[in-house]
Amino acid sequence: MHYTYIVECSDGTLYTGYAADLEKRINAHNEKRGAKYTRGRAPVTLKYYEEFENKADALKREAQIKKMRKEKKLKLLNNTKNELYMP
């Protein structure tokens, strides 16, 4: 599986990323081995993710979400029934 995800950083900002192994990627962010953006903003909390059969679709969705303003991302998070979303 491939994942597109959104984490909330300790400073309240949101980071969107791609992962083949979601748990491993979140752990990397929290161990300050993840993206440069999250290194100084750890710990992060997983707020949202979507699963995809292939990497190309996950990366396409990541790009779509990254183009959204924060307000739209928050709507995406708030429109889910649970804290985490899994289509």
PDB file of N, CA and C in Angstrom:
ATOM      1  N   MET A   1       0.823  -1.186   0.000  1.00  0.00           N
ATOM      2  CA  MET A   1       0.000   0.000   0.000  1.00  0.00           C
ATOM      3  C   MET A   1       0.872   1.257   0.000  1.00  0.00           C
ATOM      4  N   HIS A   2       0.276   2.327  -0.451  1.00  0.00           N
ATOM      5  CA  HIS A   2       0.931   3.631  -0.470  1.00  0.00           C
ATOM      6  C   HIS A   2      -0.018   4.621   0.188  1.00  0.00           C
ATOM      7  N   TYR A   3       0.542   5.605   0.856  1.00  0.00           N
ATOM      8  CA  TYR A   3      -0.267   6.516   1.668  1.00  0.00           C
ATOM      9  C   TYR A   3       0.070   7.975   1.394  1.00  0.00           C
ATOM     10  N   THR A   4      -0.968   8.791   1.432  1.00  0.00           N
ATOM     11  CA  THR A   4      -0.826  10.233   1.517  1.00  0.00           C
ATOM     12  C   THR A   4      -1.335  10.594   2.899  1.00  0.00           C
ATOM     13  N   TYR A   5      -0.622  11.438   3.614  1.00  0.00           N
ATOM     14  CA  TYR A   5      -0.996  11.709   5.004  1.00  0.00           C
ATOM     15  C   TYR A   5      -0.823  13.178   5.344  1.00  0.00           C
ATOM     16  N   ILE A   6      -1.507  13.563   6.416  1.00  0.00           N
ATOM     17  CA  ILE A   6      -1.345  14.902   6.989  1.00  0.00           C
ATOM     18  C   ILE A   6      -1.033  14.725   8.466  1.00  0.00           C
ATOM     19  N   VAL A   7       0.014  15.386   8.915  1.00  0.00           N
ATOM     20  CA  VAL A   7       0.340  15.405  10.337  1.00  0.00           C
ATOM     21  C   VAL A   7       0.224  16.832  10.841  1.00  0.00           C
ATOM     22  N   GLU A   8      -0.081  16.952  12.113  1.00  0.00           N
ATOM     23  CA  GLU A   8      -0.053  18.253  12.773  1.00  0.00           C
ATOM     24  C   GLU A   8       1.240  18.319  13.561  1.00  0.00           C
ATOM     25  N   CYS A   9       2.002  19.378  13.336  1.00  0.00           N
ATOM     26  CA  CYS A   9       3.268  19.577  14.033  1.00  0.00           C
ATOM     27  C   CYS A   9       3.025  20.212  15.402  1.00  0.00           C
ATOM     28  N   SER A  10       4.031  20.178  16.243  1.00  0.00           N
ATOM     29  CA  SER A  10       3.895  20.711  17.605  1.00  0.00           C
ATOM     30  C   SER A  10       3.576  22.197  17.624  1.00  0.00           C
ATOM     31  N   ASP A  11       3.907  22.904  16.542  1.00  0.00           N
ATOM     32  CA  ASP A  11       3.600  24.335  16.487  1.00  0.00           C
ATOM     33  C   ASP A  11       2.244  24.628  15.848  1.00  0.00           C
ATOM     34  N   GLY A  12       1.462  23.572  15.572  1.00  0.00           N
ATOM     35  CA  GLY A  12       0.125  23.742  15.026  1.00  0.00           C
ATOM     36  C   GLY A  12       0.056  23.776  13.506  1.00  0.00           C
ATOM     37  N   THR A  13       1.203  23.740  12.838  1.00  0.00           N
ATOM     38  CA  THR A  13       1.192  23.720  11.382  1.00  0.00           C
ATOM     39  C   THR A  13       0.890  22.312  10.879  1.00  0.00           C
ATOM     40  N   LEU A  14       0.490  22.225   9.623  1.00  0.00           N
ATOM     41  CA  LEU A  14       0.180  20.948   9.008  1.00  0.00           C
ATOM     42  C   LEU A  14       1.231  20.610   7.965  1.00  0.00           C
ATOM     43  N   TYR A  15       1.590  19.328   7.896  1.00  0.00           N
ATOM     44  CA  TYR A  15       2.536  18.850   6.900  1.00  0.00           C
ATOM     45  C   TYR A  15       1.888  17.689   6.160  1.00  0.00           C
ATOM     46  N   THR A  16       1.964  17.702   4.846  1.00  0.00           N
ATOM     47  CA  THR A  16       1.415  16.635   4.014  1.00  0.00           C
ATOM     48  C   THR A  16       2.563  15.880   3.377  1.00  0.00           C
ATOM     49  N   GLY A  17       2.452  14.558   3.372  1.00  0.00           N
ATOM     50  CA  GLY A  17       3.518  13.751   2.794  1.00  0.00           C
ATOM     51  C   GLY A  17       3.026  12.461   2.190  1.00  0.00           C
ATOM     52  N   TYR A  18       3.976  11.694   1.673  1.00  0.00           N
ATOM     53  CA  TYR A  18       3.748  10.385   1.067  1.00  0.00           C
ATOM     54  C   TYR A  18       4.569   9.359   1.835  1.00  0.00           C
ATOM     55  N   ALA A  19       4.039   8.145   1.930  1.00  0.00           N
ATOM     56  CA  ALA A  19       4.799   7.073   2.567  1.00  0.00           C
ATOM     57  C   ALA A  19       4.373   5.721   2.016  1.00  0.00           C
ATOM     58  N   ALA A  20       5.319   4.815   1.926  1.00  0.00           N
ATOM     59  CA  ALA A  20       5.003   3.431   1.593  1.00  0.00           C
ATOM     60  C   ALA A  20       4.701   2.670   2.892  1.00  0.00           C
ATOM     61  N   ASP A  21       5.360   3.064   3.971  1.00  0.00           N
ATOM     62  CA  ASP A  21       5.129   2.477   5.292  1.00  0.00           C
ATOM     63  C   ASP A  21       4.783   3.629   6.228  1.00  0.00           C
ATOM     64  N   LEU A  22       3.504   3.822   6.483  1.00  0.00           N
ATOM     65  CA  LEU A  22       3.033   4.993   7.218  1.00  0.00           C
ATOM     66  C   LEU A  22       3.567   5.038   8.649  1.00  0.00           C
ATOM     67  N   GLU A  23       3.500   3.944   9.360  1.00  0.00           N
ATOM     68  CA  GLU A  23       3.980   3.934  10.751  1.00  0.00           C
ATOM     69  C   GLU A  23       5.461   4.280  10.832  1.00  0.00           C
ATOM     70  N   LYS A  24       6.244   3.706   9.943  1.00  0.00           N
ATOM     71  CA  LYS A  24       7.683   3.980   9.917  1.00  0.00           C
ATOM     72  C   LYS A  24       7.955   5.459   9.618  1.00  0.00           C
ATOM     73  N   ARG A  25       7.165   6.028   8.703  1.00  0.00           N
ATOM     74  CA  ARG A  25       7.357   7.433   8.331  1.00  0.00           C
ATOM     75  C   ARG A  25       7.014   8.383   9.471  1.00  0.00           C
ATOM     76  N   ILE A  26       5.927   8.101  10.184  1.00  0.00           N
ATOM     77  CA  ILE A  26       5.548   8.946  11.325  1.00  0.00           C
ATOM     78  C   ILE A  26       6.627   8.856  12.403  1.00  0.00           C
ATOM     79  N   ASN A  27       7.116   7.653  12.646  1.00  0.00           N
ATOM     80  CA  ASN A  27       8.205   7.491  13.617  1.00  0.00           C
ATOM     81  C   ASN A  27       9.441   8.273  13.204  1.00  0.00           C
ATOM     82  N   ALA A  28       9.755   8.271  11.908  1.00  0.00           N
ATOM     83  CA  ALA A  28      10.913   9.028  11.416  1.00  0.00           C
ATOM     84  C   ALA A  28      10.724  10.522  11.672  1.00  0.00           C
ATOM     85  N   HIS A  29       9.516  11.033  11.422  1.00  0.00           N
ATOM     86  CA  HIS A  29       9.253  12.451  11.710  1.00  0.00           C
ATOM     87  C   HIS A  29       9.496  12.736  13.194  1.00  0.00           C
ATOM     88  N   ASN A  30       8.995  11.877  14.050  1.00  0.00           N
ATOM     89  CA  ASN A  30       9.109  12.111  15.488  1.00  0.00           C
ATOM     90  C   ASN A  30      10.518  11.896  16.022  1.00  0.00           C
ATOM     91  N   GLU A  31      11.331  11.165  15.290  1.00  0.00           N
ATOM     92  CA  GLU A  31      12.742  10.982  15.664  1.00  0.00           C
ATOM     93  C   GLU A  31      13.638  12.000  14.961  1.00  0.00           C
ATOM     94  N   LYS A  32      12.985  13.001  14.350  1.00  0.00           N
ATOM     95  CA  LYS A  32      13.682  14.091  13.652  1.00  0.00           C
ATOM     96  C   LYS A  32      14.549  13.589  12.507  1.00  0.00           C
ATOM     97  N   ARG A  33      14.103  12.502  11.873  1.00  0.00           N
ATOM     98  CA  ARG A  33      14.773  11.955  10.694  1.00  0.00           C
ATOM     99  C   ARG A  33      13.870  12.077   9.476  1.00  0.00           C
ATOM    100  N   GLY A  34      12.714  12.700   9.636  1.00  0.00           N
ATOM    101  CA  GLY A  34      11.762  12.845   8.537  1.00  0.00           C
ATOM    102  C   GLY A  34      12.091  14.046   7.682  1.00  0.00           C
ATOM    103  N   ALA A  35      11.082  14.669   7.166  1.00  0.00           N
ATOM    104  CA  ALA A  35      11.259  15.835   6.303  1.00  0.00           C
ATOM    105  C   ALA A  35      11.934  16.978   7.058  1.00  0.00           C
ATOM    106  N   LYS A  36      12.674  17.764   6.322  1.00  0.00           N
ATOM    107  CA  LYS A  36      13.356  18.917   6.920  1.00  0.00           C
ATOM    108  C   LYS A  36      12.356  19.823   7.643  1.00  0.00           C
ATOM    109  N   TYR A  37      11.170  20.003   7.041  1.00  0.00           N
ATOM    110  CA  TYR A  37      10.141  20.864   7.624  1.00  0.00           C
ATOM    111  C   TYR A  37       9.743  20.410   9.024  1.00  0.00           C
ATOM    112  N   THR A  38       9.621  19.113   9.245  1.00  0.00           N
ATOM    113  CA  THR A  38       9.128  18.611  10.533  1.00  0.00           C
ATOM    114  C   THR A  38      10.229  18.430  11.579  1.00  0.00           C
ATOM    115  N   ARG A  39      11.475  18.449  11.184  1.00  0.00           N
ATOM    116  CA  ARG A  39      12.571  18.203  12.139  1.00  0.00           C
ATOM    117  C   ARG A  39      12.545  19.145  13.328  1.00  0.00           C
ATOM    118  N   GLY A  40      12.270  20.401  13.093  1.00  0.00           N
ATOM    119  CA  GLY A  40      12.229  21.372  14.181  1.00  0.00           C
ATOM    120  C   GLY A  40      10.843  21.563  14.768  1.00  0.00           C
ATOM    121  N   ARG A  41       9.890  20.744  14.312  1.00  0.00           N
ATOM    122  CA  ARG A  41       8.508  20.904  14.753  1.00  0.00           C
ATOM    123  C   ARG A  41       7.954  19.621  15.381  1.00  0.00           C
ATOM    124  N   ALA A  42       8.817  18.701  15.741  1.00  0.00           N
ATOM    125  CA  ALA A  42       8.391  17.444  16.361  1.00  0.00           C
ATOM    126  C   ALA A  42       8.005  17.707  17.810  1.00  0.00           C
ATOM    127  N   PRO A  43       7.137  16.901  18.371  1.00  0.00           N
ATOM    128  CA  PRO A  43       6.524  15.733  17.756  1.00  0.00           C
ATOM    129  C   PRO A  43       5.380  16.099  16.823  1.00  0.00           C
ATOM    130  N   VAL A  44       5.080  15.155  15.919  1.00  0.00           N
ATOM    131  CA  VAL A  44       3.955  15.325  15.015  1.00  0.00           C
ATOM    132  C   VAL A  44       2.867  14.316  15.387  1.00  0.00           C
ATOM    133  N   THR A  45       1.630  14.653  15.035  1.00  0.00           N
ATOM    134  CA  THR A  45       0.498  13.770  15.291  1.00  0.00           C
ATOM    135  C   THR A  45      -0.204  13.490  13.971  1.00  0.00           C
ATOM    136  N   LEU A  46      -0.370  12.222  13.660  1.00  0.00           N
ATOM    137  CA  LEU A  46      -1.072  11.844  12.445  1.00  0.00           C
ATOM    138  C   LEU A  46      -2.536  12.235  12.571  1.00  0.00           C
ATOM    139  N   LYS A  47      -3.022  13.026  11.606  1.00  0.00           N
ATOM    140  CA  LYS A  47      -4.399  13.508  11.637  1.00  0.00           C
ATOM    141  C   LYS A  47      -5.260  12.926  10.536  1.00  0.00           C
ATOM    142  N   TYR A  48      -4.633  12.473   9.442  1.00  0.00           N
ATOM    143  CA  TYR A  48      -5.406  12.063   8.272  1.00  0.00           C
ATOM    144  C   TYR A  48      -4.525  11.226   7.359  1.00  0.00           C
ATOM    145  N   TYR A  49      -5.121  10.224   6.741  1.00  0.00           N
ATOM    146  CA  TYR A  49      -4.401   9.511   5.692  1.00  0.00           C
ATOM    147  C   TYR A  49      -5.372   8.870   4.720  1.00  0.00           C
ATOM    148  N   GLU A  50      -4.871   8.637   3.529  1.00  0.00           N
ATOM    149  CA  GLU A  50      -5.600   7.940   2.489  1.00  0.00           C
ATOM    150  C   GLU A  50      -4.702   6.832   1.957  1.00  0.00           C
ATOM    151  N   GLU A  51      -5.289   5.696   1.634  1.00  0.00           N
ATOM    152  CA  GLU A  51      -4.547   4.562   1.075  1.00  0.00           C
ATOM    153  C   GLU A  51      -4.716   4.508  -0.437  1.00  0.00           C
ATOM    154  N   PHE A  52      -3.654   4.093  -1.107  1.00  0.00           N
ATOM    155  CA  PHE A  52      -3.678   3.950  -2.560  1.00  0.00           C
ATOM    156  C   PHE A  52      -3.000   2.649  -2.963  1.00  0.00           C
ATOM    157  N   GLU A  53      -3.445   2.108  -4.072  1.00  0.00           N
ATOM    158  CA  GLU A  53      -2.862   0.869  -4.598  1.00  0.00           C
ATOM    159  C   GLU A  53      -1.479   1.103  -5.196  1.00  0.00           C
ATOM    160  N   ASN A  54      -1.242   2.318  -5.710  1.00  0.00           N
ATOM    161  CA  ASN A  54       0.051   2.559  -6.353  1.00  0.00           C
ATOM    162  C   ASN A  54       0.624   3.907  -5.934  1.00  0.00           C
ATOM    163  N   LYS A  55       1.918   4.008  -6.100  1.00  0.00           N
ATOM    164  CA  LYS A  55       2.660   5.196  -5.687  1.00  0.00           C
ATOM    165  C   LYS A  55       2.241   6.431  -6.470  1.00  0.00           C
ATOM    166  N   ALA A  56       2.010   6.272  -7.770  1.00  0.00           N
ATOM    167  CA  ALA A  56       1.666   7.418  -8.619  1.00  0.00           C
ATOM    168  C   ALA A  56       0.404   8.116  -8.129  1.00  0.00           C
ATOM    169  N   ASP A  57      -0.623   7.347  -7.773  1.00  0.00           N
ATOM    170  CA  ASP A  57      -1.868   7.953  -7.289  1.00  0.00           C
ATOM    171  C   ASP A  57      -1.668   8.648  -5.951  1.00  0.00           C
ATOM    172  N   ALA A  58      -0.871   8.046  -5.083  1.00  0.00           N
ATOM    173  CA  ALA A  58      -0.607   8.649  -3.772  1.00  0.00           C
ATOM    174  C   ALA A  58       0.153   9.965  -3.930  1.00  0.00           C
ATOM    175  N   LEU A  59       1.133   9.994  -4.822  1.00  0.00           N
ATOM    176  CA  LEU A  59       1.902  11.217  -5.039  1.00  0.00           C
ATOM    177  C   LEU A  59       1.043  12.300  -5.699  1.00  0.00           C
ATOM    178  N   LYS A  60       0.145  11.884  -6.566  1.00  0.00           N
ATOM    179  CA  LYS A  60      -0.768  12.844  -7.199  1.00  0.00           C
ATOM    180  C   LYS A  60      -1.660  13.495  -6.142  1.00  0.00           C
ATOM    181  N   ARG A  61      -2.184  12.681  -5.233  1.00  0.00           N
ATOM    182  CA  ARG A  61      -3.042  13.205  -4.165  1.00  0.00           C
ATOM    183  C   ARG A  61      -2.236  14.093  -3.214  1.00  0.00           C
ATOM    184  N   GLU A  62      -1.014  13.711  -2.914  1.00  0.00           N
ATOM    185  CA  GLU A  62      -0.156  14.538  -2.059  1.00  0.00           C
ATOM    186  C   GLU A  62      -0.004  15.930  -2.675  1.00  0.00           C
ATOM    187  N   ALA A  63       0.241  15.987  -3.974  1.00  0.00           N
ATOM    188  CA  ALA A  63       0.405  17.267  -4.662  1.00  0.00           C
ATOM    189  C   ALA A  63      -0.878  18.094  -4.589  1.00  0.00           C
ATOM    190  N   GLN A  64      -2.031  17.443  -4.740  1.00  0.00           N
ATOM    191  CA  GLN A  64      -3.316  18.147  -4.649  1.00  0.00           C
ATOM    192  C   GLN A  64      -3.501  18.764  -3.270  1.00  0.00           C
ATOM    193  N   ILE A  65      -3.237  17.983  -2.247  1.00  0.00           N
ATOM    194  CA  ILE A  65      -3.426  18.465  -0.872  1.00  0.00           C
ATOM    195  C   ILE A  65      -2.437  19.586  -0.554  1.00  0.00           C
ATOM    196  N   LYS A  66      -1.205  19.450  -0.994  1.00  0.00           N
ATOM    197  CA  LYS A  66      -0.199  20.483  -0.717  1.00  0.00           C
ATOM    198  C   LYS A  66      -0.569  21.835  -1.321  1.00  0.00           C
ATOM    199  N   LYS A  67      -1.344  21.824  -2.384  1.00  0.00           N
ATOM    200  CA  LYS A  67      -1.774  23.074  -3.020  1.00  0.00           C
ATOM    201  C   LYS A  67      -2.923  23.742  -2.275  1.00  0.00           C
ATOM    202  N   MET A  68      -3.566  23.006  -1.368  1.00  0.00           N
ATOM    203  CA  MET A  68      -4.706  23.558  -0.627  1.00  0.00           C
ATOM    204  C   MET A  68      -4.242  24.553   0.429  1.00  0.00           C
ATOM    205  N   ARG A  69      -5.070  25.546   0.692  1.00  0.00           N
ATOM    206  CA  ARG A  69      -4.827  26.446   1.815  1.00  0.00           C
ATOM    207  C   ARG A  69      -5.130  25.684   3.108  1.00  0.00           C
ATOM    208  N   LYS A  70      -4.575  26.183   4.200  1.00  0.00           N
ATOM    209  CA  LYS A  70      -4.744  25.501   5.487  1.00  0.00           C
ATOM    210  C   LYS A  70      -6.219  25.330   5.840  1.00  0.00           C
ATOM    211  N   GLU A  71      -7.052  26.323   5.547  1.00  0.00           N
ATOM    212  CA  GLU A  71      -8.479  26.251   5.873  1.00  0.00           C
ATOM    213  C   GLU A  71      -9.130  25.058   5.182  1.00  0.00           C
ATOM    214  N   LYS A  72      -8.767  24.825   3.933  1.00  0.00           N
ATOM    215  CA  LYS A  72      -9.340  23.703   3.186  1.00  0.00           C
ATOM    216  C   LYS A  72      -8.835  22.370   3.747  1.00  0.00           C
ATOM    217  N   LYS A  73      -7.569  22.342   4.155  1.00  0.00           N
ATOM    218  CA  LYS A  73      -7.037  21.117   4.770  1.00  0.00           C
ATOM    219  C   LYS A  73      -7.765  20.816   6.079  1.00  0.00           C
ATOM    220  N   LEU A  74      -8.030  21.858   6.855  1.00  0.00           N
ATOM    221  CA  LEU A  74      -8.761  21.660   8.112  1.00  0.00           C
ATOM    222  C   LEU A  74     -10.167  21.147   7.853  1.00  0.00           C
ATOM    223  N   LYS A  75     -10.807  21.625   6.796  1.00  0.00           N
ATOM    224  CA  LYS A  75     -12.129  21.110   6.424  1.00  0.00           C
ATOM    225  C   LYS A  75     -12.042  19.628   6.096  1.00  0.00           C
ATOM    226  N   LEU A  76     -10.997  19.249   5.384  1.00  0.00           N
ATOM    227  CA  LEU A  76     -10.775  17.850   5.040  1.00  0.00           C
ATOM    228  C   LEU A  76     -10.659  17.019   6.316  1.00  0.00           C
ATOM    229  N   LEU A  77      -9.908  17.521   7.286  1.00  0.00           N
ATOM    230  CA  LEU A  77      -9.737  16.812   8.557  1.00  0.00           C
ATOM    231  C   LEU A  77     -11.044  16.758   9.331  1.00  0.00           C
ATOM    232  N   ASN A  78     -11.795  17.848   9.341  1.00  0.00           N
ATOM    233  CA  ASN A  78     -13.022  17.933  10.124  1.00  0.00           C
ATOM    234  C   ASN A  78     -14.199  17.202   9.495  1.00  0.00           C
ATOM    235  N   ASN A  79     -14.120  16.904   8.202  1.00  0.00           N
ATOM    236  CA  ASN A  79     -15.207  16.204   7.535  1.00  0.00           C
ATOM    237  C   ASN A  79     -15.144  14.697   7.712  1.00  0.00           C
ATOM    238  N   THR A  80     -14.135  14.215   8.397  1.00  0.00           N
ATOM    239  CA  THR A  80     -14.024  12.785   8.633  1.00  0.00           C
ATOM    240  C   THR A  80     -14.763  12.431   9.914  1.00  0.00           C
ATOM    241  N   LYS A  81     -15.327  11.228   9.949  1.00  0.00           N
ATOM    242  CA  LYS A  81     -16.067  10.786  11.136  1.00  0.00           C
ATOM    243  C   LYS A  81     -15.109  10.496  12.295  1.00  0.00           C
ATOM    244  N   ASN A  82     -13.971   9.948  11.966  1.00  0.00           N
ATOM    245  CA  ASN A  82     -12.969   9.635  12.988  1.00  0.00           C
ATOM    246  C   ASN A  82     -11.801  10.599  12.826  1.00  0.00           C
ATOM    247  N   GLU A  83     -10.871  10.546  13.750  1.00  0.00           N
ATOM    248  CA  GLU A  83      -9.683  11.389  13.625  1.00  0.00           C
ATOM    249  C   GLU A  83      -8.914  11.007  12.380  1.00  0.00           C
ATOM    250  N   LEU A  84      -8.864   9.705  12.077  1.00  0.00           N
ATOM    251  CA  LEU A  84      -8.149   9.241  10.906  1.00  0.00           C
ATOM    252  C   LEU A  84      -9.144   8.819   9.842  1.00  0.00           C
ATOM    253  N   TYR A  85      -8.801   9.079   8.616  1.00  0.00           N
ATOM    254  CA  TYR A  85      -9.671   8.760   7.491  1.00  0.00           C
ATOM    255  C   TYR A  85      -9.031   7.636   6.678  1.00  0.00           C
ATOM    256  N   MET A  86      -9.829   6.656   6.347  1.00  0.00           N
ATOM    257  CA  MET A  86      -9.340   5.586   5.513  1.00  0.00           C
ATOM    258  C   MET A  86     -10.430   5.253   4.509  1.00  0.00           C
ATOM    259  N   PRO A  87     -10.254   5.643   3.230  1.00  0.00           N
ATOM    260  CA  PRO A  87     -11.288   5.370   2.229  1.00  0.00           C
ATOM    261  C   PRO A  87     -11.475   3.898   1.961  1.00  0.00           C
TER     262      PRO A  87
END
